[in-house]
C-alpha atoms as a PDB file:
ATOM      1  CA  MET A   1      47.470-202.686  -5.343  1.00  0.00           C
ATOM      2  CA  THR A   2      48.500-205.779  -3.417  1.00  0.00           C
ATOM      3  CA  LYS A   3      50.649-208.557  -4.804  1.00  0.00           C
ATOM      4  CA  GLN A   4      47.619-210.871  -4.927  1.00  0.00           C
ATOM      5  CA  GLN A   5      45.618-208.299  -6.848  1.00  0.00           C
ATOM      6  CA  LYS A   6      48.473-207.776  -9.323  1.00  0.00           C
ATOM      7  CA  THR A   7      48.723-211.531  -9.788  1.00  0.00           C
ATOM      8  CA  ALA A   8      44.991-211.805 -10.542  1.00  0.00           C
ATOM      9  CA  LEU A   9      45.233-208.938 -13.025  1.00  0.00           C
ATOM     10  CA  ASN A  10      48.260-210.494 -14.722  1.00  0.00           C
ATOM     11  CA  MET A  11      46.502-213.851 -14.964  1.00  0.00           C
ATOM     12  CA  ALA A  12      43.477-212.240 -16.587  1.00  0.00           C
ATOM     13  CA  LYS A  13      45.750-210.478 -19.106  1.00  0.00           C
ATOM     14  CA  PHE A  14      47.545-213.771 -19.809  1.00  0.00           C
ATOM     15  CA  ILE A  15      44.251-215.579 -20.466  1.00  0.00           C
ATOM     16  CA  GLN A  16      43.226-212.760 -22.775  1.00  0.00           C
ATOM     17  CA  GLY A  17      46.436-213.088 -24.780  1.00  0.00           C
ATOM     18  CA  GLN A  18      46.359-216.876 -24.916  1.00  0.00           C
ATOM     19  CA  SER A  19      42.740-216.956 -26.036  1.00  0.00           C
ATOM     20  CA  LEU A  20      43.652-214.645 -28.912  1.00  0.00           C
ATOM     21  CA  LEU A  21      46.502-216.945 -29.963  1.00  0.00           C
ATOM     22  CA  LEU A  22      44.192-219.943 -29.783  1.00  0.00           C
ATOM     23  CA  LEU A  23      41.601-218.115 -31.858  1.00  0.00           C
ATOM     24  CA  GLU A  24      44.180-217.485 -34.576  1.00  0.00           C
ATOM     25  CA  LYS A  25      45.164-221.164 -34.629  1.00  0.00           C
ATOM     26  CA  LEU A  26      41.553-222.335 -34.773  1.00  0.00           C
ATOM     27  CA  ASN A  27      40.900-219.978 -37.687  1.00  0.00           C
ATOM     28  CA  GLU A  28      43.956-221.372 -39.502  1.00  0.00           C
ATOM     29  CA  LEU A  29      42.553-224.871 -39.017  1.00  0.00           C
ATOM     30  CA  ASP A  30      39.125-223.800 -40.333  1.00  0.00           C
ATOM     31  CA  LEU A  31      37.461-224.909 -37.089  1.00  0.00           C
ATOM     32  CA  ASP A  32      34.654-222.389 -37.289  1.00  0.00           C
ATOM     33  CA  THR A  33      32.500-223.612 -34.414  1.00  0.00           C
ATOM     34  CA  GLU A  34      35.464-223.814 -32.076  1.00  0.00           C
ATOM     35  CA  ALA A  35      36.748-220.444 -33.275  1.00  0.00           C
ATOM     36  CA  ASP A  36      33.364-218.894 -32.469  1.00  0.00           C
ATOM     37  CA  MET A  37      33.520-220.359 -28.966  1.00  0.00           C
ATOM     38  CA  CYS A  38      37.060-219.107 -28.524  1.00  0.00           C
ATOM     39  CA  GLU A  39      36.111-215.657 -29.762  1.00  0.00           C
ATOM     40  CA  ARG A  40      33.470-215.449 -27.039  1.00  0.00           C
ATOM     41  CA  LEU A  41      36.065-216.646 -24.536  1.00  0.00           C
ATOM     42  CA  HIS A  42      38.463-213.938 -25.688  1.00  0.00           C
ATOM     43  CA  GLU A  43      35.786-211.262 -25.438  1.00  0.00           C
ATOM     44  CA  ASP A  44      34.921-212.447 -21.926  1.00  0.00           C
ATOM     45  CA  ALA A  45      38.615-212.384 -21.005  1.00  0.00           C
ATOM     46  CA  GLU A  46      38.869-208.813 -22.289  1.00  0.00           C
ATOM     47  CA  ARG A  47      35.868-207.758 -20.218  1.00  0.00           C
ATOM     48  CA  LEU A  48      37.202-209.555 -17.149  1.00  0.00           C
ATOM     49  CA  HIS A  49      40.579-207.836 -17.437  1.00  0.00           C
ATOM     50  CA  ALA A  50      38.950-204.430 -17.901  1.00  0.00           C
ATOM     51  CA  CYS A  51      36.617-204.962 -14.930  1.00  0.00           C
ATOM     52  CA  LEU A  52      39.440-206.144 -12.692  1.00  0.00           C
ATOM     53  CA  LEU A  53      41.620-203.247 -13.730  1.00  0.00           C
ATOM     54  CA  ALA A  54      38.882-200.722 -12.984  1.00  0.00           C
ATOM     55  CA  LYS A  55      37.929-202.300  -9.675  1.00  0.00           C
ATOM     56  CA  LEU A  56      41.474-202.772  -8.407  1.00  0.00           C
ATOM     57  CA  ASN A  57      42.497-199.264  -9.406  1.00  0.00           C
ATOM     58  CA  GLN A  58      39.613-197.867  -7.327  1.00  0.00           C
ATOM     59  CA  GLU A  59      40.857-199.549  -4.165  1.00  0.00           C
END
């Protein structure tokens, strides 16, 4: 895996982690609509990380 590929993978993992933290904060603030949006964002970030990991490990 190249340095650029590792960087992309690390960024995707970071976004995944940050979206989870944001989701927790939004839930604490009882911002249900925003929490729902953030939950979808987190799920997308999880899928993106998994897809990148699979694709980059194949190369």
